[in-house]
Amino acid sequence: MPLIALVVEQYIQTRFGLTAALGLALLTVGVKSENAACAGIGGVLLLSPALASGR
């Protein structure tokens, strides 16, 4: 399972940049620890590069 997470994170980082990779990490930590604020910030960071580039 860690290998799959690493591959997905590397794909996100190459496709959308460091901000999206940080967002994915925060979203994952927030969901696992049931922290809504951390998950929400991670979700916003994950979506912001995609929305800014118009993809």
N, C-alpha and C. Protein backbone atom coordinates (compact mmCIF):
# COMPACT_ATOMS: atom_id res chain seq x y z
N MET A 1 0.81 -1.20 0.00
CA MET A 1 0.00 0.00 0.00
C MET A 1 0.85 1.27 0.00
N PRO A 2 1.96 1.33 0.75
CA PRO A 2 2.78 2.54 0.71
C PRO A 2 3.34 2.82 -0.68
N LEU A 3 3.59 1.77 -1.46
CA LEU A 3 4.10 1.97 -2.81
C LEU A 3 3.07 2.67 -3.68
N ILE A 4 1.82 2.28 -3.55
CA ILE A 4 0.76 2.92 -4.32
C ILE A 4 0.63 4.39 -3.93
N ALA A 5 0.69 4.68 -2.65
CA ALA A 5 0.61 6.06 -2.18
C ALA A 5 1.77 6.89 -2.71
N LEU A 6 2.95 6.31 -2.74
CA LEU A 6 4.12 7.02 -3.25
C LEU A 6 3.98 7.31 -4.75
N VAL A 7 3.50 6.35 -5.50
CA VAL A 7 3.31 6.53 -6.95
C VAL A 7 2.27 7.60 -7.22
N VAL A 8 1.17 7.57 -6.49
CA VAL A 8 0.12 8.58 -6.69
C VAL A 8 0.64 9.96 -6.33
N GLU A 9 1.37 10.07 -5.23
CA GLU A 9 1.90 11.37 -4.81
C GLU A 9 2.91 11.91 -5.83
N GLN A 10 3.75 11.05 -6.38
CA GLN A 10 4.71 11.48 -7.40
C GLN A 10 3.99 11.94 -8.66
N TYR A 11 2.94 11.23 -9.05
CA TYR A 11 2.16 11.63 -10.23
C TYR A 11 1.52 12.99 -10.01
N ILE A 12 0.91 13.19 -8.85
CA ILE A 12 0.27 14.47 -8.54
C ILE A 12 1.31 15.59 -8.56
N GLN A 13 2.48 15.33 -7.98
CA GLN A 13 3.50 16.37 -7.92
C GLN A 13 4.01 16.72 -9.31
N THR A 14 4.21 15.73 -10.18
CA THR A 14 4.71 16.04 -11.53
C THR A 14 3.62 16.71 -12.36
N ARG A 15 2.40 16.32 -12.15
CA ARG A 15 1.31 16.87 -12.96
C ARG A 15 0.88 18.27 -12.50
N PHE A 16 0.75 18.46 -11.18
CA PHE A 16 0.19 19.70 -10.67
C PHE A 16 1.13 20.51 -9.78
N GLY A 17 2.27 19.98 -9.40
CA GLY A 17 3.24 20.74 -8.62
C GLY A 17 3.25 20.40 -7.14
N LEU A 18 4.10 21.09 -6.44
CA LEU A 18 4.32 20.84 -5.02
C LEU A 18 3.10 21.18 -4.17
N THR A 19 2.37 22.21 -4.57
CA THR A 19 1.19 22.61 -3.79
C THR A 19 0.15 21.49 -3.75
N ALA A 20 -0.07 20.86 -4.88
CA ALA A 20 -1.04 19.76 -4.92
C ALA A 20 -0.55 18.55 -4.15
N ALA A 21 0.75 18.28 -4.19
CA ALA A 21 1.30 17.17 -3.43
C ALA A 21 1.15 17.42 -1.93
N LEU A 22 1.40 18.65 -1.50
CA LEU A 22 1.20 19.01 -0.10
C LEU A 22 -0.28 18.89 0.28
N GLY A 23 -1.15 19.30 -0.62
CA GLY A 23 -2.58 19.17 -0.37
C GLY A 23 -3.02 17.73 -0.23
N LEU A 24 -2.46 16.86 -1.07
CA LEU A 24 -2.79 15.43 -0.98
C LEU A 24 -2.31 14.85 0.35
N ALA A 25 -1.12 15.25 0.77
CA ALA A 25 -0.60 14.77 2.05
C ALA A 25 -1.47 15.25 3.22
N LEU A 26 -1.85 16.53 3.19
CA LEU A 26 -2.71 17.06 4.27
C LEU A 26 -4.09 16.41 4.26
N LEU A 27 -4.62 16.17 3.09
CA LEU A 27 -5.93 15.52 2.98
C LEU A 27 -5.86 14.11 3.55
N THR A 28 -4.81 13.38 3.22
CA THR A 28 -4.65 12.02 3.72
C THR A 28 -4.51 12.00 5.24
N VAL A 29 -3.67 12.87 5.77
CA VAL A 29 -3.48 12.94 7.22
C VAL A 29 -4.77 13.36 7.91
N GLY A 30 -5.47 14.32 7.32
CA GLY A 30 -6.73 14.79 7.91
C GLY A 30 -7.80 13.72 7.96
N VAL A 31 -7.90 12.93 6.90
CA VAL A 31 -8.91 11.87 6.87
C VAL A 31 -8.54 10.76 7.86
N LYS A 32 -7.26 10.38 7.88
CA LYS A 32 -6.85 9.30 8.80
C LYS A 32 -6.98 9.69 10.26
N SER A 33 -6.72 10.96 10.57
CA SER A 33 -6.81 11.39 11.97
C SER A 33 -8.18 12.00 12.30
N GLU A 34 -9.09 11.97 11.35
CA GLU A 34 -10.44 12.53 11.51
C GLU A 34 -10.40 14.00 11.91
N ASN A 35 -9.50 14.74 11.30
CA ASN A 35 -9.36 16.17 11.55
C ASN A 35 -9.93 16.91 10.34
N ALA A 36 -11.10 17.50 10.51
CA ALA A 36 -11.80 18.14 9.40
C ALA A 36 -11.06 19.37 8.87
N ALA A 37 -10.42 20.13 9.76
CA ALA A 37 -9.70 21.33 9.31
C ALA A 37 -8.52 20.95 8.43
N CYS A 38 -7.77 19.95 8.83
CA CYS A 38 -6.61 19.51 8.06
C CYS A 38 -7.06 18.93 6.71
N ALA A 39 -8.12 18.15 6.71
CA ALA A 39 -8.64 17.57 5.48
C ALA A 39 -9.19 18.66 4.55
N GLY A 40 -9.83 19.65 5.12
CA GLY A 40 -10.37 20.75 4.30
C GLY A 40 -9.28 21.58 3.66
N ILE A 41 -8.26 21.90 4.42
CA ILE A 41 -7.13 22.66 3.87
C ILE A 41 -6.44 21.85 2.79
N GLY A 42 -6.27 20.56 3.04
CA GLY A 42 -5.66 19.69 2.05
C GLY A 42 -6.47 19.61 0.77
N GLY A 43 -7.78 19.57 0.91
CA GLY A 43 -8.65 19.54 -0.27
C GLY A 43 -8.55 20.81 -1.09
N VAL A 44 -8.52 21.94 -0.42
CA VAL A 44 -8.38 23.22 -1.12
C VAL A 44 -7.04 23.31 -1.82
N LEU A 45 -5.97 22.90 -1.12
CA LEU A 45 -4.65 22.94 -1.74
C LEU A 45 -4.55 21.97 -2.92
N LEU A 46 -5.22 20.85 -2.83
CA LEU A 46 -5.19 19.87 -3.91
C LEU A 46 -5.92 20.38 -5.14
N LEU A 47 -7.00 21.10 -4.94
CA LEU A 47 -7.79 21.60 -6.07
C LEU A 47 -7.27 22.91 -6.66
N SER A 48 -6.58 23.72 -5.88
CA SER A 48 -6.20 25.04 -6.35
C SER A 48 -5.31 25.04 -7.60
N PRO A 49 -4.31 24.19 -7.72
CA PRO A 49 -3.51 24.20 -8.97
C PRO A 49 -4.32 23.75 -10.19
N ALA A 50 -5.22 22.81 -9.98
CA ALA A 50 -6.04 22.33 -11.10
C ALA A 50 -6.99 23.42 -11.58
N LEU A 51 -7.56 24.16 -10.65
CA LEU A 51 -8.48 25.23 -11.04
C LEU A 51 -7.74 26.41 -11.65
N ALA A 52 -6.54 26.68 -11.17
CA ALA A 52 -5.78 27.81 -11.69
C ALA A 52 -5.29 27.58 -13.10
N SER A 53 -4.98 26.32 -13.43
CA SER A 53 -4.47 26.03 -14.77
C SER A 53 -5.60 25.78 -15.77
N GLY A 54 -6.82 25.65 -15.30
CA GLY A 54 -7.97 25.47 -16.19
C GLY A 54 -8.12 24.06 -16.71
N ARG A 55 -7.58 23.07 -16.01
CA ARG A 55 -7.70 21.67 -16.46
C ARG A 55 -8.99 21.07 -16.02
